[in-house]
Amino acid sequence: MGKSVVLETKRLILRELDFDDFDNLTTILQDEKAMYAYEHAFSDEEVREWLERQIRRYGEYGMGLLAVIEKDSGEFIGQCGITKQEVDGESVFEIGYLIRRKYWHMGYAIESASAMKNHAFISGIEKVYSIIRTNNIASQRVAIRNGMLPEKLIVKHYYGIDMPHIVFSAKKEDVS
């Protein structure tokens, strides 16, 4: 494959994004239905900024959102990874995921998110979070299936809108 593979699951390869993934990212970030929790589809410039931010995160933190590739087809089906986010002034490690709509309801979000949680714990991270908008029931279900529990409610101000989010978390010692 030639790109920096971070981990693999039974059906997926998770690798670092690179600038060649711009068109792949537009299939998600410019899909209004896939981006409903963000309240808008991204412009080309916003997709470019998103991609540059992930690549910058790899250098700064050694982590970021990764390309999710289906092994059998080699198809880019989404992104999943760990980013640093702020929750009530505290920097936390968040597992985030965005899957192309044509691959929804196939178990790819939970498969990649679960792999990222295990990867985080093996890497020495003691607690992970998923910060999910209250209207994003599908992502909340993924977090719960990933062994996370709701911890608190916060409001993020984004795109000129106050957006309530549920903060889900799981601790390393909770995993058996």
N, C-alpha and C. Protein backbone atom coordinates (compact mmCIF):
# COMPACT_ATOMS: atom_id res chain seq x y z
N MET A 1 0.83 -1.20 0.00
CA MET A 1 0.00 0.00 0.00
C MET A 1 0.87 1.26 0.00
N GLY A 2 2.04 1.23 0.67
CA GLY A 2 2.97 2.33 0.61
C GLY A 2 2.65 3.50 1.52
N LYS A 3 1.53 3.46 2.22
CA LYS A 3 1.17 4.54 3.12
C LYS A 3 1.30 4.04 4.55
N SER A 4 1.41 4.96 5.49
CA SER A 4 1.70 4.62 6.88
C SER A 4 0.50 3.95 7.57
N VAL A 5 0.53 2.62 7.62
CA VAL A 5 -0.54 1.86 8.26
C VAL A 5 -0.34 1.92 9.78
N VAL A 6 -1.39 2.27 10.49
CA VAL A 6 -1.34 2.35 11.95
C VAL A 6 -1.84 1.05 12.57
N LEU A 7 -2.95 0.52 12.05
CA LEU A 7 -3.45 -0.76 12.55
C LEU A 7 -4.39 -1.39 11.56
N GLU A 8 -4.68 -2.66 11.80
CA GLU A 8 -5.59 -3.42 10.96
C GLU A 8 -6.60 -4.16 11.83
N THR A 9 -7.78 -4.37 11.26
CA THR A 9 -8.79 -5.22 11.88
C THR A 9 -9.08 -6.34 10.88
N LYS A 10 -10.07 -7.14 11.19
CA LYS A 10 -10.42 -8.24 10.29
C LYS A 10 -10.74 -7.73 8.88
N ARG A 11 -11.51 -6.62 8.79
CA ARG A 11 -11.95 -6.13 7.49
C ARG A 11 -11.33 -4.82 7.05
N LEU A 12 -10.57 -4.16 7.95
CA LEU A 12 -10.15 -2.79 7.68
C LEU A 12 -8.67 -2.56 7.87
N ILE A 13 -8.17 -1.58 7.15
CA ILE A 13 -6.84 -1.03 7.36
C ILE A 13 -7.04 0.43 7.75
N LEU A 14 -6.39 0.85 8.83
CA LEU A 14 -6.43 2.25 9.24
C LEU A 14 -5.03 2.81 9.03
N ARG A 15 -4.93 3.83 8.18
CA ARG A 15 -3.64 4.41 7.84
C ARG A 15 -3.72 5.93 7.89
N GLU A 16 -2.56 6.55 7.98
CA GLU A 16 -2.52 8.01 7.98
C GLU A 16 -3.07 8.55 6.66
N LEU A 17 -3.77 9.64 6.77
CA LEU A 17 -4.24 10.37 5.59
C LEU A 17 -3.05 11.09 4.95
N ASP A 18 -3.14 11.32 3.66
CA ASP A 18 -2.17 12.19 2.99
C ASP A 18 -2.91 13.04 1.97
N PHE A 19 -2.19 13.93 1.31
CA PHE A 19 -2.85 14.88 0.41
C PHE A 19 -3.56 14.21 -0.76
N ASP A 20 -3.18 12.97 -1.09
CA ASP A 20 -3.88 12.23 -2.14
C ASP A 20 -5.29 11.84 -1.72
N ASP A 21 -5.63 11.98 -0.45
CA ASP A 21 -6.95 11.60 0.06
C ASP A 21 -7.98 12.72 -0.04
N PHE A 22 -7.61 13.84 -0.61
CA PHE A 22 -8.55 14.97 -0.69
C PHE A 22 -9.88 14.56 -1.31
N ASP A 23 -9.84 13.94 -2.48
CA ASP A 23 -11.09 13.56 -3.15
C ASP A 23 -11.88 12.55 -2.33
N ASN A 24 -11.18 11.62 -1.68
CA ASN A 24 -11.86 10.66 -0.81
C ASN A 24 -12.58 11.38 0.33
N LEU A 25 -11.93 12.36 0.94
CA LEU A 25 -12.55 13.08 2.04
C LEU A 25 -13.77 13.87 1.60
N THR A 26 -13.75 14.38 0.37
CA THR A 26 -14.91 15.14 -0.10
C THR A 26 -16.16 14.26 -0.17
N THR A 27 -15.99 12.94 -0.38
CA THR A 27 -17.15 12.06 -0.46
C THR A 27 -17.90 11.99 0.86
N ILE A 28 -17.22 12.33 1.95
CA ILE A 28 -17.87 12.37 3.27
C ILE A 28 -18.18 13.81 3.66
N LEU A 29 -17.14 14.64 3.68
CA LEU A 29 -17.25 15.98 4.24
C LEU A 29 -18.12 16.92 3.41
N GLN A 30 -18.36 16.57 2.13
CA GLN A 30 -19.24 17.39 1.29
C GLN A 30 -20.61 16.75 1.09
N ASP A 31 -20.90 15.72 1.86
CA ASP A 31 -22.20 15.05 1.81
C ASP A 31 -23.06 15.62 2.95
N GLU A 32 -24.06 16.41 2.59
CA GLU A 32 -24.89 17.07 3.60
C GLU A 32 -25.53 16.08 4.57
N LYS A 33 -25.97 14.95 4.07
CA LYS A 33 -26.62 13.96 4.94
C LYS A 33 -25.61 13.33 5.90
N ALA A 34 -24.40 13.05 5.42
CA ALA A 34 -23.38 12.48 6.30
C ALA A 34 -22.90 13.49 7.34
N MET A 35 -23.00 14.77 7.00
CA MET A 35 -22.48 15.83 7.87
C MET A 35 -23.59 16.53 8.67
N TYR A 36 -24.72 15.88 8.85
CA TYR A 36 -25.85 16.53 9.51
C TYR A 36 -25.51 17.01 10.92
N ALA A 37 -24.65 16.32 11.62
CA ALA A 37 -24.30 16.75 12.99
C ALA A 37 -23.44 18.01 12.99
N TYR A 38 -22.85 18.33 11.84
CA TYR A 38 -22.05 19.55 11.70
C TYR A 38 -22.89 20.71 11.14
N GLU A 39 -24.10 20.43 10.75
CA GLU A 39 -25.05 21.41 10.23
C GLU A 39 -24.70 21.93 8.84
N HIS A 40 -23.68 21.38 8.19
CA HIS A 40 -23.37 21.82 6.83
C HIS A 40 -22.36 20.89 6.18
N ALA A 41 -22.42 20.85 4.87
CA ALA A 41 -21.38 20.17 4.10
C ALA A 41 -20.21 21.13 3.95
N PHE A 42 -19.02 20.60 3.89
CA PHE A 42 -17.81 21.43 3.83
C PHE A 42 -17.55 21.92 2.41
N SER A 43 -16.96 23.09 2.33
CA SER A 43 -16.45 23.61 1.06
C SER A 43 -15.12 22.92 0.76
N ASP A 44 -14.62 23.09 -0.46
CA ASP A 44 -13.30 22.54 -0.78
C ASP A 44 -12.24 23.06 0.19
N GLU A 45 -12.31 24.34 0.52
CA GLU A 45 -11.32 24.93 1.43
C GLU A 45 -11.42 24.30 2.82
N GLU A 46 -12.63 24.06 3.30
CA GLU A 46 -12.80 23.42 4.62
C GLU A 46 -12.28 21.98 4.60
N VAL A 47 -12.49 21.26 3.49
CA VAL A 47 -11.95 19.91 3.37
C VAL A 47 -10.42 19.96 3.41
N ARG A 48 -9.84 20.90 2.69
CA ARG A 48 -8.38 21.05 2.66
C ARG A 48 -7.84 21.36 4.06
N GLU A 49 -8.50 22.27 4.78
CA GLU A 49 -8.09 22.61 6.14
C GLU A 49 -8.20 21.39 7.06
N TRP A 50 -9.27 20.62 6.92
CA TRP A 50 -9.48 19.40 7.71
C TRP A 50 -8.33 18.42 7.48
N LEU A 51 -8.00 18.20 6.21
CA LEU A 51 -6.93 17.28 5.85
C LEU A 51 -5.58 17.77 6.38
N GLU A 52 -5.30 19.05 6.20
CA GLU A 52 -4.04 19.62 6.70
C GLU A 52 -3.95 19.49 8.22
N ARG A 53 -5.07 19.69 8.92
CA ARG A 53 -5.09 19.57 10.39
C ARG A 53 -4.75 18.14 10.82
N GLN A 54 -5.29 17.13 10.11
CA GLN A 54 -4.97 15.75 10.48
C GLN A 54 -3.48 15.47 10.28
N ILE A 55 -2.95 15.89 9.16
CA ILE A 55 -1.53 15.65 8.87
C ILE A 55 -0.65 16.37 9.89
N ARG A 56 -1.03 17.58 10.26
CA ARG A 56 -0.30 18.32 11.30
C ARG A 56 -0.36 17.59 12.64
N ARG A 57 -1.51 17.02 12.96
CA ARG A 57 -1.66 16.29 14.22
C ARG A 57 -0.71 15.09 14.30
N TYR A 58 -0.49 14.41 13.19
CA TYR A 58 0.43 13.26 13.21
C TYR A 58 1.80 13.71 13.69
N GLY A 59 2.26 14.85 13.20
CA GLY A 59 3.57 15.36 13.59
C GLY A 59 3.61 15.90 15.02
N GLU A 60 2.53 16.59 15.41
CA GLU A 60 2.50 17.22 16.73
C GLU A 60 2.21 16.22 17.85
N TYR A 61 1.27 15.31 17.64
CA TYR A 61 0.80 14.43 18.71
C TYR A 61 1.01 12.95 18.42
N GLY A 62 1.43 12.63 17.20
CA GLY A 62 1.59 11.23 16.84
C GLY A 62 0.26 10.53 16.63
N MET A 63 -0.81 11.30 16.44
CA MET A 63 -2.14 10.72 16.23
C MET A 63 -3.02 11.73 15.52
N GLY A 64 -4.14 11.25 15.04
CA GLY A 64 -5.12 12.08 14.35
C GLY A 64 -6.14 11.16 13.71
N LEU A 65 -7.05 11.72 12.94
CA LEU A 65 -7.99 10.87 12.21
C LEU A 65 -7.24 10.14 11.11
N LEU A 66 -7.60 8.89 10.90
CA LEU A 66 -6.94 8.02 9.92
C LEU A 66 -7.92 7.63 8.82
N ALA A 67 -7.38 7.32 7.66
CA ALA A 67 -8.19 6.78 6.58
C ALA A 67 -8.61 5.36 6.96
N VAL A 68 -9.87 5.04 6.74
CA VAL A 68 -10.38 3.69 6.96
C VAL A 68 -10.56 3.06 5.57
N ILE A 69 -9.82 1.99 5.33
CA ILE A 69 -9.80 1.33 4.03
C ILE A 69 -10.37 -0.07 4.18
N GLU A 70 -11.33 -0.42 3.34
CA GLU A 70 -11.87 -1.78 3.34
C GLU A 70 -10.82 -2.68 2.68
N LYS A 71 -10.41 -3.73 3.39
CA LYS A 71 -9.36 -4.61 2.89
C LYS A 71 -9.70 -5.27 1.56
N ASP A 72 -10.89 -5.84 1.46
CA ASP A 72 -11.25 -6.61 0.26
C ASP A 72 -11.23 -5.78 -1.01
N SER A 73 -11.77 -4.56 -0.92
CA SER A 73 -11.91 -3.73 -2.13
C SER A 73 -10.81 -2.68 -2.27
N GLY A 74 -10.13 -2.36 -1.16
CA GLY A 74 -9.16 -1.26 -1.17
C GLY A 74 -9.83 0.10 -1.15
N GLU A 75 -11.16 0.11 -0.96
CA GLU A 75 -11.96 1.33 -1.00
C GLU A 75 -11.79 2.16 0.27
N PHE A 76 -11.65 3.48 0.10
CA PHE A 76 -11.67 4.44 1.20
C PHE A 76 -13.12 4.54 1.67
N ILE A 77 -13.39 4.12 2.91
CA ILE A 77 -14.79 4.13 3.36
C ILE A 77 -15.06 5.13 4.46
N GLY A 78 -14.00 5.78 4.97
CA GLY A 78 -14.23 6.76 6.01
C GLY A 78 -12.96 7.13 6.73
N GLN A 79 -13.16 7.68 7.92
CA GLN A 79 -12.02 8.03 8.77
C GLN A 79 -12.37 7.75 10.22
N CYS A 80 -11.35 7.41 10.97
CA CYS A 80 -11.51 7.13 12.39
C CYS A 80 -10.15 7.35 13.03
N GLY A 81 -10.14 7.86 14.22
CA GLY A 81 -8.86 8.05 14.89
C GLY A 81 -9.03 8.73 16.22
N ILE A 82 -7.89 9.15 16.75
CA ILE A 82 -7.85 9.81 18.05
C ILE A 82 -7.31 11.21 17.86
N THR A 83 -8.04 12.18 18.39
CA THR A 83 -7.60 13.56 18.38
C THR A 83 -7.66 14.12 19.80
N LYS A 84 -6.93 15.18 20.02
CA LYS A 84 -7.03 15.88 21.30
C LYS A 84 -8.13 16.92 21.18
N GLN A 85 -9.02 16.91 22.16
CA GLN A 85 -10.13 17.86 22.19
C GLN A 85 -10.20 18.50 23.57
N GLU A 86 -10.88 19.62 23.66
CA GLU A 86 -11.08 20.30 24.94
C GLU A 86 -12.48 19.98 25.48
N VAL A 87 -12.52 19.58 26.74
CA VAL A 87 -13.79 19.38 27.44
C VAL A 87 -13.66 20.10 28.77
N ASP A 88 -14.45 21.15 28.94
CA ASP A 88 -14.42 21.96 30.16
C ASP A 88 -13.00 22.37 30.54
N GLY A 89 -12.23 22.81 29.56
CA GLY A 89 -10.88 23.30 29.80
C GLY A 89 -9.82 22.23 29.95
N GLU A 90 -10.20 20.97 29.84
CA GLU A 90 -9.26 19.86 29.97
C GLU A 90 -9.01 19.24 28.59
N SER A 91 -7.75 18.93 28.28
CA SER A 91 -7.41 18.27 27.03
C SER A 91 -7.63 16.77 27.19
N VAL A 92 -8.44 16.20 26.29
CA VAL A 92 -8.77 14.77 26.37
C VAL A 92 -8.51 14.12 25.01
N PHE A 93 -8.41 12.78 25.02
CA PHE A 93 -8.22 12.01 23.80
C PHE A 93 -9.58 11.51 23.32
N GLU A 94 -9.98 11.98 22.14
CA GLU A 94 -11.29 11.61 21.61
C GLU A 94 -11.15 10.65 20.45
N ILE A 95 -11.97 9.60 20.49
CA ILE A 95 -12.12 8.70 19.34
C ILE A 95 -13.25 9.27 18.49
N GLY A 96 -12.92 9.61 17.26
CA GLY A 96 -13.91 10.15 16.34
C GLY A 96 -13.99 9.27 15.10
N TYR A 97 -15.13 9.31 14.43
CA TYR A 97 -15.33 8.49 13.24
C TYR A 97 -16.35 9.14 12.33
N LEU A 98 -16.08 9.06 11.05
CA LEU A 98 -17.00 9.50 10.01
C LEU A 98 -16.91 8.48 8.87
N ILE A 99 -18.01 7.85 8.56
CA ILE A 99 -18.04 6.80 7.54
C ILE A 99 -18.89 7.28 6.36
N ARG A 100 -18.44 6.96 5.15
CA ARG A 100 -19.21 7.30 3.96
C ARG A 100 -20.60 6.67 4.06
N ARG A 101 -21.60 7.40 3.62
CA ARG A 101 -22.99 6.94 3.78
C ARG A 101 -23.25 5.59 3.16
N LYS A 102 -22.64 5.31 2.03
CA LYS A 102 -22.92 4.02 1.38
C LYS A 102 -22.39 2.84 2.21
N TYR A 103 -21.60 3.12 3.24
CA TYR A 103 -21.07 2.07 4.12
C TYR A 103 -21.68 2.11 5.52
N TRP A 104 -22.71 2.92 5.71
CA TRP A 104 -23.38 2.95 7.01
C TRP A 104 -24.09 1.61 7.25
N HIS A 105 -24.28 1.28 8.51
CA HIS A 105 -25.02 0.08 8.96
C HIS A 105 -24.35 -1.23 8.53
N MET A 106 -23.04 -1.20 8.38
CA MET A 106 -22.28 -2.41 8.05
C MET A 106 -21.27 -2.76 9.14
N GLY A 107 -21.32 -2.02 10.25
CA GLY A 107 -20.43 -2.33 11.38
C GLY A 107 -19.03 -1.74 11.28
N TYR A 108 -18.77 -0.91 10.26
CA TYR A 108 -17.43 -0.37 10.09
C TYR A 108 -17.08 0.68 11.16
N ALA A 109 -18.05 1.47 11.59
CA ALA A 109 -17.77 2.49 12.60
C ALA A 109 -17.36 1.84 13.92
N ILE A 110 -18.11 0.83 14.37
CA ILE A 110 -17.76 0.19 15.63
C ILE A 110 -16.47 -0.62 15.49
N GLU A 111 -16.26 -1.25 14.36
CA GLU A 111 -15.02 -2.02 14.17
C GLU A 111 -13.80 -1.12 14.25
N SER A 112 -13.85 0.03 13.58
CA SER A 112 -12.70 0.93 13.61
C SER A 112 -12.58 1.64 14.95
N ALA A 113 -13.69 2.07 15.55
CA ALA A 113 -13.64 2.76 16.84
C ALA A 113 -13.15 1.84 17.95
N SER A 114 -13.58 0.59 17.94
CA SER A 114 -13.12 -0.38 18.93
C SER A 114 -11.62 -0.64 18.79
N ALA A 115 -11.15 -0.75 17.56
CA ALA A 115 -9.72 -0.94 17.31
C ALA A 115 -8.93 0.27 17.81
N MET A 116 -9.47 1.47 17.63
CA MET A 116 -8.78 2.68 18.10
C MET A 116 -8.75 2.73 19.62
N LYS A 117 -9.83 2.31 20.27
CA LYS A 117 -9.84 2.30 21.74
C LYS A 117 -8.77 1.35 22.26
N ASN A 118 -8.73 0.15 21.70
CA ASN A 118 -7.71 -0.82 22.13
C ASN A 118 -6.31 -0.30 21.85
N HIS A 119 -6.12 0.32 20.71
CA HIS A 119 -4.83 0.90 20.34
C HIS A 119 -4.42 1.99 21.35
N ALA A 120 -5.38 2.82 21.74
CA ALA A 120 -5.11 3.88 22.72
C ALA A 120 -4.66 3.28 24.05
N PHE A 121 -5.38 2.28 24.52
CA PHE A 121 -5.04 1.67 25.81
C PHE A 121 -3.69 0.97 25.77
N ILE A 122 -3.40 0.28 24.68
CA ILE A 122 -2.09 -0.37 24.52
C ILE A 122 -0.98 0.67 24.48
N SER A 123 -1.30 1.85 23.93
CA SER A 123 -0.31 2.93 23.80
C SER A 123 -0.11 3.71 25.10
N GLY A 124 -0.86 3.36 26.15
CA GLY A 124 -0.68 4.02 27.45
C GLY A 124 -1.68 5.10 27.78
N ILE A 125 -2.65 5.33 26.92
CA ILE A 125 -3.71 6.30 27.23
C ILE A 125 -4.66 5.62 28.20
N GLU A 126 -4.96 6.28 29.31
CA GLU A 126 -5.76 5.67 30.38
C GLU A 126 -7.26 5.86 30.21
N LYS A 127 -7.67 6.91 29.45
CA LYS A 127 -9.10 7.19 29.31
C LYS A 127 -9.33 7.81 27.93
N VAL A 128 -10.37 7.34 27.25
CA VAL A 128 -10.74 7.89 25.95
C VAL A 128 -12.17 8.39 25.99
N TYR A 129 -12.47 9.28 25.09
CA TYR A 129 -13.76 9.93 25.03
C TYR A 129 -14.31 9.86 23.61
N SER A 130 -15.61 9.99 23.48
CA SER A 130 -16.26 10.31 22.22
C SER A 130 -17.27 11.40 22.55
N ILE A 131 -17.15 12.51 21.86
CA ILE A 131 -17.97 13.69 22.12
C ILE A 131 -18.96 13.80 20.97
N ILE A 132 -20.23 13.54 21.27
CA ILE A 132 -21.21 13.31 20.20
C ILE A 132 -22.42 14.21 20.38
N ARG A 133 -22.79 14.85 19.31
CA ARG A 133 -23.95 15.73 19.33
C ARG A 133 -25.20 14.94 19.74
N THR A 134 -26.07 15.60 20.47
CA THR A 134 -27.26 14.92 21.00
C THR A 134 -28.18 14.40 19.90
N ASN A 135 -28.14 14.97 18.70
CA ASN A 135 -29.01 14.50 17.62
C ASN A 135 -28.37 13.37 16.80
N ASN A 136 -27.16 12.96 17.16
CA ASN A 136 -26.44 11.93 16.40
C ASN A 136 -26.58 10.58 17.11
N ILE A 137 -27.75 10.01 17.01
CA ILE A 137 -28.08 8.77 17.72
C ILE A 137 -27.22 7.61 17.23
N ALA A 138 -26.96 7.53 15.94
CA ALA A 138 -26.15 6.42 15.41
C ALA A 138 -24.75 6.43 16.03
N SER A 139 -24.12 7.59 16.13
CA SER A 139 -22.78 7.66 16.72
C SER A 139 -22.83 7.38 18.22
N GLN A 140 -23.91 7.77 18.87
CA GLN A 140 -24.06 7.44 20.30
C GLN A 140 -24.13 5.93 20.48
N ARG A 141 -24.82 5.25 19.59
CA ARG A 141 -24.91 3.78 19.67
C ARG A 141 -23.54 3.15 19.48
N VAL A 142 -22.73 3.70 18.57
CA VAL A 142 -21.37 3.19 18.37
C VAL A 142 -20.57 3.36 19.66
N ALA A 143 -20.65 4.53 20.28
CA ALA A 143 -19.91 4.77 21.52
C ALA A 143 -20.32 3.78 22.61
N ILE A 144 -21.60 3.55 22.75
CA ILE A 144 -22.09 2.60 23.76
C ILE A 144 -21.61 1.19 23.45
N ARG A 145 -21.70 0.78 22.19
CA ARG A 145 -21.20 -0.55 21.80
C ARG A 145 -19.69 -0.65 22.01
N ASN A 146 -19.02 0.49 22.01
CA ASN A 146 -17.57 0.53 22.22
C ASN A 146 -17.22 0.58 23.71
N GLY A 147 -18.21 0.32 24.57
CA GLY A 147 -17.95 0.24 26.00
C GLY A 147 -17.87 1.58 26.69
N MET A 148 -18.39 2.61 26.07
CA MET A 148 -18.34 3.95 26.65
C MET A 148 -19.67 4.27 27.33
N LEU A 149 -19.56 5.08 28.37
CA LEU A 149 -20.74 5.52 29.10
C LEU A 149 -20.86 7.03 29.03
N PRO A 150 -22.09 7.55 29.01
CA PRO A 150 -22.25 9.01 29.03
C PRO A 150 -21.75 9.56 30.36
N GLU A 151 -20.97 10.62 30.28
CA GLU A 151 -20.36 11.21 31.47
C GLU A 151 -20.97 12.57 31.80
N LYS A 152 -21.21 13.37 30.77
CA LYS A 152 -21.77 14.71 31.00
C LYS A 152 -22.27 15.28 29.68
N LEU A 153 -22.95 16.39 29.80
CA LEU A 153 -23.46 17.12 28.65
C LEU A 153 -22.70 18.44 28.56
N ILE A 154 -22.22 18.79 27.38
CA ILE A 154 -21.56 20.07 27.16
C ILE A 154 -22.20 20.74 25.96
N VAL A 155 -21.96 22.02 25.80
CA VAL A 155 -22.44 22.74 24.63
C VAL A 155 -21.22 23.29 23.90
N LYS A 156 -21.13 22.94 22.62
CA LYS A 156 -20.08 23.48 21.76
C LYS A 156 -20.72 24.54 20.87
N HIS A 157 -19.99 25.61 20.65
CA HIS A 157 -20.45 26.65 19.75
C HIS A 157 -19.71 26.47 18.43
N TYR A 158 -20.44 26.11 17.38
CA TYR A 158 -19.83 25.82 16.10
C TYR A 158 -20.75 26.29 14.99
N TYR A 159 -20.17 26.92 14.00
CA TYR A 159 -20.91 27.34 12.81
C TYR A 159 -22.07 28.27 13.19
N GLY A 160 -21.84 29.08 14.24
CA GLY A 160 -22.84 30.04 14.69
C GLY A 160 -23.99 29.43 15.47
N ILE A 161 -23.83 28.18 15.92
CA ILE A 161 -24.92 27.47 16.59
C ILE A 161 -24.41 26.88 17.90
N ASP A 162 -25.21 26.97 18.94
CA ASP A 162 -24.93 26.24 20.17
C ASP A 162 -25.40 24.80 19.98
N MET A 163 -24.45 23.86 20.09
CA MET A 163 -24.75 22.46 19.83
C MET A 163 -24.49 21.62 21.07
N PRO A 164 -25.54 21.08 21.70
CA PRO A 164 -25.32 20.21 22.85
C PRO A 164 -24.68 18.89 22.42
N HIS A 165 -23.72 18.44 23.20
CA HIS A 165 -23.00 17.19 22.96
C HIS A 165 -22.97 16.35 24.22
N ILE A 166 -23.06 15.05 24.05
CA ILE A 166 -22.87 14.11 25.16
C ILE A 166 -21.41 13.68 25.14
N VAL A 167 -20.78 13.74 26.30
CA VAL A 167 -19.40 13.29 26.44
C VAL A 167 -19.43 11.86 26.96
N PHE A 168 -19.05 10.91 26.10
CA PHE A 168 -18.94 9.50 26.47
C PHE A 168 -17.48 9.22 26.83
N SER A 169 -17.26 8.26 27.74
CA SER A 169 -15.87 7.91 28.07
C SER A 169 -15.75 6.45 28.47
N ALA A 170 -14.52 5.97 28.38
CA ALA A 170 -14.18 4.62 28.84
C ALA A 170 -12.76 4.70 29.41
N LYS A 171 -12.56 4.03 30.53
CA LYS A 171 -11.25 3.96 31.17
C LYS A 171 -10.59 2.62 30.88
N LYS A 172 -9.29 2.64 30.84
CA LYS A 172 -8.52 1.43 30.57
C LYS A 172 -8.85 0.34 31.58
N GLU A 173 -8.96 0.70 32.85
CA GLU A 173 -9.21 -0.33 33.87
C GLU A 173 -10.61 -0.92 33.79
N ASP A 174 -11.52 -0.26 33.04
CA ASP A 174 -12.88 -0.79 32.86
C ASP A 174 -12.91 -1.92 31.85
N VAL A 175 -11.82 -2.08 31.10
CA VAL A 175 -11.76 -3.09 30.04
C VAL A 175 -11.21 -4.37 30.63
N SER A 176 -11.93 -5.46 30.38
CA SER A 176 -11.42 -6.75 30.89
C SER A 176 -10.85 -7.59 29.79
